[in-house]
Amino acid sequence: MGRRKPKARSDFVLFDVFYQDGTQSSNRKVPAEALAGPDGDDAAGEILEAQDRQIAERSGKSRSRIDLFKRASLR
């Protein structure tokens, strides 16, 4: 009898992010533990904004402000 493969751990939640300029970023990762608090998915907004700041610092290109974010649908 063979060994079973370990099940995938869900250490993060994927979000689709929509910006004020009409652009979209899909499957952005947010740690699942950050969403476990009383704010729930609202905490993801702060994390996504922090990620955008880090990306802007590295690339030298700033992003538009986040208009909306929602959990990505699993297809």
PDB file of N, CA and C in Angstrom:
ATOM      1  N   MET A   1       0.843  -1.167   0.000  1.00  0.00           N
ATOM      2  CA  MET A   1       0.000   0.000   0.000  1.00  0.00           C
ATOM      3  C   MET A   1       0.894   1.238   0.000  1.00  0.00           C
ATOM      4  N   GLY A   2       0.640   2.179  -0.913  1.00  0.00           N
ATOM      5  CA  GLY A   2       1.465   3.376  -1.049  1.00  0.00           C
ATOM      6  C   GLY A   2       1.094   4.455  -0.048  1.00  0.00           C
ATOM      7  N   ARG A   3       2.005   5.378   0.075  1.00  0.00           N
ATOM      8  CA  ARG A   3       1.759   6.510   0.965  1.00  0.00           C
ATOM      9  C   ARG A   3       0.831   7.516   0.302  1.00  0.00           C
ATOM     10  N   ARG A   4       0.018   8.140   1.104  1.00  0.00           N
ATOM     11  CA  ARG A   4      -0.859   9.180   0.575  1.00  0.00           C
ATOM     12  C   ARG A   4      -0.114  10.507   0.543  1.00  0.00           C
ATOM     13  N   LYS A   5      -0.439  11.295  -0.435  1.00  0.00           N
ATOM     14  CA  LYS A   5       0.149  12.630  -0.509  1.00  0.00           C
ATOM     15  C   LYS A   5      -0.502  13.507   0.551  1.00  0.00           C
ATOM     16  N   PRO A   6       0.277  14.384   1.159  1.00  0.00           N
ATOM     17  CA  PRO A   6      -0.334  15.281   2.151  1.00  0.00           C
ATOM     18  C   PRO A   6      -1.306  16.233   1.468  1.00  0.00           C
ATOM     19  N   LYS A   7      -2.378  16.564   2.165  1.00  0.00           N
ATOM     20  CA  LYS A   7      -3.365  17.484   1.607  1.00  0.00           C
ATOM     21  C   LYS A   7      -2.799  18.899   1.581  1.00  0.00           C
ATOM     22  N   ALA A   8      -3.248  19.654   0.618  1.00  0.00           N
ATOM     23  CA  ALA A   8      -2.789  21.037   0.489  1.00  0.00           C
ATOM     24  C   ALA A   8      -3.282  21.848   1.678  1.00  0.00           C
ATOM     25  N   ARG A   9      -2.378  22.612   2.243  1.00  0.00           N
ATOM     26  CA  ARG A   9      -2.738  23.471   3.373  1.00  0.00           C
ATOM     27  C   ARG A   9      -3.202  24.814   2.835  1.00  0.00           C
ATOM     28  N   SER A  10      -4.169  25.379   3.464  1.00  0.00           N
ATOM     29  CA  SER A  10      -4.655  26.689   3.028  1.00  0.00           C
ATOM     30  C   SER A  10      -4.124  27.755   3.972  1.00  0.00           C
ATOM     31  N   ASP A  11      -2.862  28.090   3.787  1.00  0.00           N
ATOM     32  CA  ASP A  11      -2.213  29.091   4.627  1.00  0.00           C
ATOM     33  C   ASP A  11      -2.545  30.504   4.181  1.00  0.00           C
ATOM     34  N   PHE A  12      -3.166  30.637   3.027  1.00  0.00           N
ATOM     35  CA  PHE A  12      -3.497  31.952   2.520  1.00  0.00           C
ATOM     36  C   PHE A  12      -4.836  31.907   1.793  1.00  0.00           C
ATOM     37  N   VAL A  13      -5.417  33.092   1.607  1.00  0.00           N
ATOM     38  CA  VAL A  13      -6.677  33.253   0.886  1.00  0.00           C
ATOM     39  C   VAL A  13      -6.391  34.137  -0.315  1.00  0.00           C
ATOM     40  N   LEU A  14      -6.975  33.813  -1.450  1.00  0.00           N
ATOM     41  CA  LEU A  14      -6.762  34.583  -2.671  1.00  0.00           C
ATOM     42  C   LEU A  14      -7.833  35.653  -2.827  1.00  0.00           C
ATOM     43  N   PHE A  15      -7.414  36.843  -3.245  1.00  0.00           N
ATOM     44  CA  PHE A  15      -8.329  37.963  -3.454  1.00  0.00           C
ATOM     45  C   PHE A  15      -8.138  38.539  -4.841  1.00  0.00           C
ATOM     46  N   ASP A  16      -9.239  39.001  -5.435  1.00  0.00           N
ATOM     47  CA  ASP A  16      -9.193  39.799  -6.656  1.00  0.00           C
ATOM     48  C   ASP A  16      -9.284  41.254  -6.224  1.00  0.00           C
ATOM     49  N   VAL A  17      -8.395  42.088  -6.769  1.00  0.00           N
ATOM     50  CA  VAL A  17      -8.333  43.491  -6.372  1.00  0.00           C
ATOM     51  C   VAL A  17      -8.672  44.353  -7.587  1.00  0.00           C
ATOM     52  N   PHE A  18      -9.594  45.293  -7.390  1.00  0.00           N
ATOM     53  CA  PHE A  18     -10.008  46.210  -8.440  1.00  0.00           C
ATOM     54  C   PHE A  18      -9.588  47.619  -8.030  1.00  0.00           C
ATOM     55  N   TYR A  19      -8.938  48.328  -8.950  1.00  0.00           N
ATOM     56  CA  TYR A  19      -8.394  49.651  -8.671  1.00  0.00           C
ATOM     57  C   TYR A  19      -9.284  50.737  -9.256  1.00  0.00           C
ATOM     58  N   GLN A  20      -9.120  51.962  -8.754  1.00  0.00           N
ATOM     59  CA  GLN A  20      -9.944  53.084  -9.191  1.00  0.00           C
ATOM     60  C   GLN A  20      -9.737  53.440 -10.652  1.00  0.00           C
ATOM     61  N   ASP A  21      -8.569  53.100 -11.199  1.00  0.00           N
ATOM     62  CA  ASP A  21      -8.321  53.413 -12.607  1.00  0.00           C
ATOM     63  C   ASP A  21      -8.856  52.341 -13.555  1.00  0.00           C
ATOM     64  N   GLY A  22      -9.553  51.329 -13.001  1.00  0.00           N
ATOM     65  CA  GLY A  22     -10.167  50.292 -13.823  1.00  0.00           C
ATOM     66  C   GLY A  22      -9.331  49.041 -14.001  1.00  0.00           C
ATOM     67  N   THR A  23      -8.110  49.033 -13.489  1.00  0.00           N
ATOM     68  CA  THR A  23      -7.277  47.840 -13.611  1.00  0.00           C
ATOM     69  C   THR A  23      -7.652  46.829 -12.534  1.00  0.00           C
ATOM     70  N   GLN A  24      -7.209  45.605 -12.763  1.00  0.00           N
ATOM     71  CA  GLN A  24      -7.525  44.510 -11.844  1.00  0.00           C
ATOM     72  C   GLN A  24      -6.284  43.669 -11.607  1.00  0.00           C
ATOM     73  N   SER A  25      -6.144  43.153 -10.404  1.00  0.00           N
ATOM     74  CA  SER A  25      -5.082  42.225 -10.061  1.00  0.00           C
ATOM     75  C   SER A  25      -5.751  40.996  -9.457  1.00  0.00           C
ATOM     76  N   SER A  26      -5.472  39.842 -10.001  1.00  0.00           N
ATOM     77  CA  SER A  26      -6.147  38.620  -9.575  1.00  0.00           C
ATOM     78  C   SER A  26      -5.242  37.744  -8.716  1.00  0.00           C
ATOM     79  N   ASN A  27      -5.881  36.954  -7.860  1.00  0.00           N
ATOM     80  CA  ASN A  27      -5.210  35.943  -7.041  1.00  0.00           C
ATOM     81  C   ASN A  27      -4.103  36.504  -6.164  1.00  0.00           C
ATOM     82  N   ARG A  28      -4.382  37.619  -5.501  1.00  0.00           N
ATOM     83  CA  ARG A  28      -3.436  38.189  -4.550  1.00  0.00           C
ATOM     84  C   ARG A  28      -3.534  37.418  -3.250  1.00  0.00           C
ATOM     85  N   LYS A  29      -2.414  37.021  -2.688  1.00  0.00           N
ATOM     86  CA  LYS A  29      -2.384  36.183  -1.495  1.00  0.00           C
ATOM     87  C   LYS A  29      -2.402  37.018  -0.219  1.00  0.00           C
ATOM     88  N   VAL A  30      -3.281  36.609   0.712  1.00  0.00           N
ATOM     89  CA  VAL A  30      -3.369  37.209   2.034  1.00  0.00           C
ATOM     90  C   VAL A  30      -3.319  36.064   3.040  1.00  0.00           C
ATOM     91  N   PRO A  31      -2.478  36.178   4.060  1.00  0.00           N
ATOM     92  CA  PRO A  31      -2.401  35.097   5.058  1.00  0.00           C
ATOM     93  C   PRO A  31      -3.764  34.842   5.712  1.00  0.00           C
ATOM     94  N   ALA A  32      -4.157  33.584   5.782  1.00  0.00           N
ATOM     95  CA  ALA A  32      -5.460  33.210   6.343  1.00  0.00           C
ATOM     96  C   ALA A  32      -5.569  33.609   7.808  1.00  0.00           C
ATOM     97  N   GLU A  33      -4.468  33.549   8.533  1.00  0.00           N
ATOM     98  CA  GLU A  33      -4.503  33.895   9.955  1.00  0.00           C
ATOM     99  C   GLU A  33      -4.852  35.361  10.183  1.00  0.00           C
ATOM    100  N   ALA A  34      -4.560  36.227   9.218  1.00  0.00           N
ATOM    101  CA  ALA A  34      -4.880  37.645   9.350  1.00  0.00           C
ATOM    102  C   ALA A  34      -6.378  37.897   9.237  1.00  0.00           C
ATOM    103  N   LEU A  35      -7.091  36.971   8.625  1.00  0.00           N
ATOM    104  CA  LEU A  35      -8.525  37.136   8.414  1.00  0.00           C
ATOM    105  C   LEU A  35      -9.354  36.517   9.527  1.00  0.00           C
ATOM    106  N   ALA A  36      -8.694  35.892  10.484  1.00  0.00           N
ATOM    107  CA  ALA A  36      -9.397  35.185  11.549  1.00  0.00           C
ATOM    108  C   ALA A  36      -9.884  36.114  12.654  1.00  0.00           C
ATOM    109  N   GLY A  37      -9.439  37.345  12.675  1.00  0.00           N
ATOM    110  CA  GLY A  37      -9.793  38.281  13.741  1.00  0.00           C
ATOM    111  C   GLY A  37     -11.194  38.842  13.567  1.00  0.00           C
ATOM    112  N   PRO A  38     -11.555  39.795  14.394  1.00  0.00           N
ATOM    113  CA  PRO A  38     -12.901  40.367  14.367  1.00  0.00           C
ATOM    114  C   PRO A  38     -13.208  41.160  13.093  1.00  0.00           C
ATOM    115  N   ASP A  39     -12.174  41.635  12.400  1.00  0.00           N
ATOM    116  CA  ASP A  39     -12.396  42.408  11.173  1.00  0.00           C
ATOM    117  C   ASP A  39     -12.685  41.540   9.964  1.00  0.00           C
ATOM    118  N   GLY A  40     -12.341  40.275  10.026  1.00  0.00           N
ATOM    119  CA  GLY A  40     -12.583  39.367   8.907  1.00  0.00           C
ATOM    120  C   GLY A  40     -11.878  39.817   7.646  1.00  0.00           C
ATOM    121  N   ASP A  41     -12.616  39.837   6.537  1.00  0.00           N
ATOM    122  CA  ASP A  41     -12.028  40.192   5.248  1.00  0.00           C
ATOM    123  C   ASP A  41     -11.616  41.660   5.168  1.00  0.00           C
ATOM    124  N   ASP A  42     -12.130  42.513   6.045  1.00  0.00           N
ATOM    125  CA  ASP A  42     -11.733  43.929   6.031  1.00  0.00           C
ATOM    126  C   ASP A  42     -10.232  44.081   6.308  1.00  0.00           C
ATOM    127  N   ALA A  43      -9.676  43.175   7.079  1.00  0.00           N
ATOM    128  CA  ALA A  43      -8.239  43.216   7.368  1.00  0.00           C
ATOM    129  C   ALA A  43      -7.412  42.994   6.109  1.00  0.00           C
ATOM    130  N   ALA A  44      -7.982  42.336   5.123  1.00  0.00           N
ATOM    131  CA  ALA A  44      -7.261  42.075   3.875  1.00  0.00           C
ATOM    132  C   ALA A  44      -6.935  43.369   3.144  1.00  0.00           C
ATOM    133  N   GLY A  45      -7.779  44.377   3.271  1.00  0.00           N
ATOM    134  CA  GLY A  45      -7.547  45.653   2.588  1.00  0.00           C
ATOM    135  C   GLY A  45      -6.245  46.291   3.007  1.00  0.00           C
ATOM    136  N   GLU A  46      -5.967  46.284   4.297  1.00  0.00           N
ATOM    137  CA  GLU A  46      -4.721  46.863   4.792  1.00  0.00           C
ATOM    138  C   GLU A  46      -3.515  46.073   4.296  1.00  0.00           C
ATOM    139  N   ILE A  47      -3.643  44.759   4.271  1.00  0.00           N
ATOM    140  CA  ILE A  47      -2.542  43.905   3.813  1.00  0.00           C
ATOM    141  C   ILE A  47      -2.299  44.117   2.331  1.00  0.00           C
ATOM    142  N   LEU A  48      -3.370  44.198   1.550  1.00  0.00           N
ATOM    143  CA  LEU A  48      -3.223  44.407   0.109  1.00  0.00           C
ATOM    144  C   LEU A  48      -2.604  45.776  -0.189  1.00  0.00           C
ATOM    145  N   GLU A  49      -2.976  46.796   0.570  1.00  0.00           N
ATOM    146  CA  GLU A  49      -2.378  48.125   0.386  1.00  0.00           C
ATOM    147  C   GLU A  49      -0.895  48.097   0.725  1.00  0.00           C
ATOM    148  N   ALA A  50      -0.529  47.385   1.778  1.00  0.00           N
ATOM    149  CA  ALA A  50       0.887  47.267   2.146  1.00  0.00           C
ATOM    150  C   ALA A  50       1.666  46.544   1.049  1.00  0.00           C
ATOM    151  N   GLN A  51       1.060  45.502   0.474  1.00  0.00           N
ATOM    152  CA  GLN A  51       1.709  44.791  -0.629  1.00  0.00           C
ATOM    153  C   GLN A  51       1.917  45.729  -1.816  1.00  0.00           C
ATOM    154  N   ASP A  52       0.907  46.548  -2.120  1.00  0.00           N
ATOM    155  CA  ASP A  52       1.028  47.500  -3.230  1.00  0.00           C
ATOM    156  C   ASP A  52       2.152  48.501  -2.987  1.00  0.00           C
ATOM    157  N   ARG A  53       2.298  48.968  -1.732  1.00  0.00           N
ATOM    158  CA  ARG A  53       3.388  49.896  -1.423  1.00  0.00           C
ATOM    159  C   ARG A  53       4.748  49.237  -1.651  1.00  0.00           C
ATOM    160  N   GLN A  54       4.882  47.975  -1.236  1.00  0.00           N
ATOM    161  CA  GLN A  54       6.145  47.258  -1.436  1.00  0.00           C
ATOM    162  C   GLN A  54       6.433  47.075  -2.919  1.00  0.00           C
ATOM    163  N   ILE A  55       5.412  46.733  -3.685  1.00  0.00           N
ATOM    164  CA  ILE A  55       5.586  46.551  -5.134  1.00  0.00           C
ATOM    165  C   ILE A  55       5.992  47.877  -5.775  1.00  0.00           C
ATOM    166  N   ALA A  56       5.363  48.972  -5.354  1.00  0.00           N
ATOM    167  CA  ALA A  56       5.684  50.293  -5.909  1.00  0.00           C
ATOM    168  C   ALA A  56       7.116  50.696  -5.586  1.00  0.00           C
ATOM    169  N   GLU A  57       7.570  50.395  -4.376  1.00  0.00           N
ATOM    170  CA  GLU A  57       8.949  50.725  -4.002  1.00  0.00           C
ATOM    171  C   GLU A  57       9.945  49.967  -4.863  1.00  0.00           C
ATOM    172  N   ARG A  58       9.664  48.715  -5.129  1.00  0.00           N
ATOM    173  CA  ARG A  58      10.599  47.886  -5.902  1.00  0.00           C
ATOM    174  C   ARG A  58      10.580  48.225  -7.381  1.00  0.00           C
ATOM    175  N   SER A  59       9.388  48.515  -7.917  1.00  0.00           N
ATOM    176  CA  SER A  59       9.269  48.744  -9.355  1.00  0.00           C
ATOM    177  C   SER A  59       9.432  50.206  -9.742  1.00  0.00           C
ATOM    178  N   GLY A  60       9.196  51.103  -8.791  1.00  0.00           N
ATOM    179  CA  GLY A  60       9.260  52.521  -9.104  1.00  0.00           C
ATOM    180  C   GLY A  60       7.986  53.048  -9.739  1.00  0.00           C
ATOM    181  N   LYS A  61       6.958  52.211  -9.830  1.00  0.00           N
ATOM    182  CA  LYS A  61       5.674  52.603 -10.413  1.00  0.00           C
ATOM    183  C   LYS A  61       4.590  52.452  -9.357  1.00  0.00           C
ATOM    184  N   SER A  62       3.861  53.528  -9.127  1.00  0.00           N
ATOM    185  CA  SER A  62       2.808  53.453  -8.114  1.00  0.00           C
ATOM    186  C   SER A  62       1.507  52.935  -8.740  1.00  0.00           C
ATOM    187  N   ARG A  63       0.713  52.297  -7.913  1.00  0.00           N
ATOM    188  CA  ARG A  63      -0.581  51.784  -8.332  1.00  0.00           C
ATOM    189  C   ARG A  63      -1.660  52.787  -7.975  1.00  0.00           C
ATOM    190  N   SER A  64      -2.774  52.699  -8.653  1.00  0.00           N
ATOM    191  CA  SER A  64      -3.938  53.490  -8.299  1.00  0.00           C
ATOM    192  C   SER A  64      -4.484  52.981  -6.965  1.00  0.00           C
ATOM    193  N   ARG A  65      -5.340  53.741  -6.338  1.00  0.00           N
ATOM    194  CA  ARG A  65      -5.916  53.327  -5.058  1.00  0.00           C
ATOM    195  C   ARG A  65      -6.880  52.154  -5.265  1.00  0.00           C
ATOM    196  N   ILE A  66      -6.962  51.291  -4.256  1.00  0.00           N
ATOM    197  CA  ILE A  66      -7.850  50.131  -4.316  1.00  0.00           C
ATOM    198  C   ILE A  66      -9.292  50.613  -4.186  1.00  0.00           C
ATOM    199  N   ASP A  67     -10.120  50.194  -5.129  1.00  0.00           N
ATOM    200  CA  ASP A  67     -11.530  50.545  -5.116  1.00  0.00           C
ATOM    201  C   ASP A  67     -12.346  49.456  -4.429  1.00  0.00           C
ATOM    202  N   LEU A  68     -12.035  48.200  -4.739  1.00  0.00           N
ATOM    203  CA  LEU A  68     -12.798  47.058  -4.221  1.00  0.00           C
ATOM    204  C   LEU A  68     -11.917  45.830  -4.213  1.00  0.00           C
ATOM    205  N   PHE A  69     -12.119  44.971  -3.244  1.00  0.00           N
ATOM    206  CA  PHE A  69     -11.453  43.676  -3.254  1.00  0.00           C
ATOM    207  C   PHE A  69     -12.435  42.636  -2.772  1.00  0.00           C
ATOM    208  N   LYS A  70     -12.329  41.437  -3.335  1.00  0.00           N
ATOM    209  CA  LYS A  70     -13.217  40.350  -2.952  1.00  0.00           C
ATOM    210  C   LYS A  70     -12.460  39.036  -3.083  1.00  0.00           C
ATOM    211  N   ARG A  71     -12.924  38.039  -2.348  1.00  0.00           N
ATOM    212  CA  ARG A  71     -12.280  36.726  -2.429  1.00  0.00           C
ATOM    213  C   ARG A  71     -12.385  36.198  -3.844  1.00  0.00           C
ATOM    214  N   ALA A  72     -11.308  35.625  -4.318  1.00  0.00           N
ATOM    215  CA  ALA A  72     -11.295  35.061  -5.656  1.00  0.00           C
ATOM    216  C   ALA A  72     -12.139  33.801  -5.672  1.00  0.00           C
ATOM    217  N   SER A  73     -12.876  33.614  -6.746  1.00  0.00           N
ATOM    218  CA  SER A  73     -13.696  32.417  -6.865  1.00  0.00           C
ATOM    219  C   SER A  73     -12.826  31.265  -7.331  1.00  0.00           C
ATOM    220  N   LEU A  74     -13.044  30.125  -6.745  1.00  0.00           N
ATOM    221  CA  LEU A  74     -12.304  28.927  -7.151  1.00  0.00           C
ATOM    222  C   LEU A  74     -13.000  28.335  -8.353  1.00  0.00           C
ATOM    223  N   ARG A  75     -12.280  28.184  -9.414  1.00  0.00           N
ATOM    224  CA  ARG A  75     -12.892  27.719 -10.672  1.00  0.00           C
ATOM    225  C   ARG A  75     -12.741  26.273 -10.845  1.00  0.00           C
TER     226      ARG A  75
END
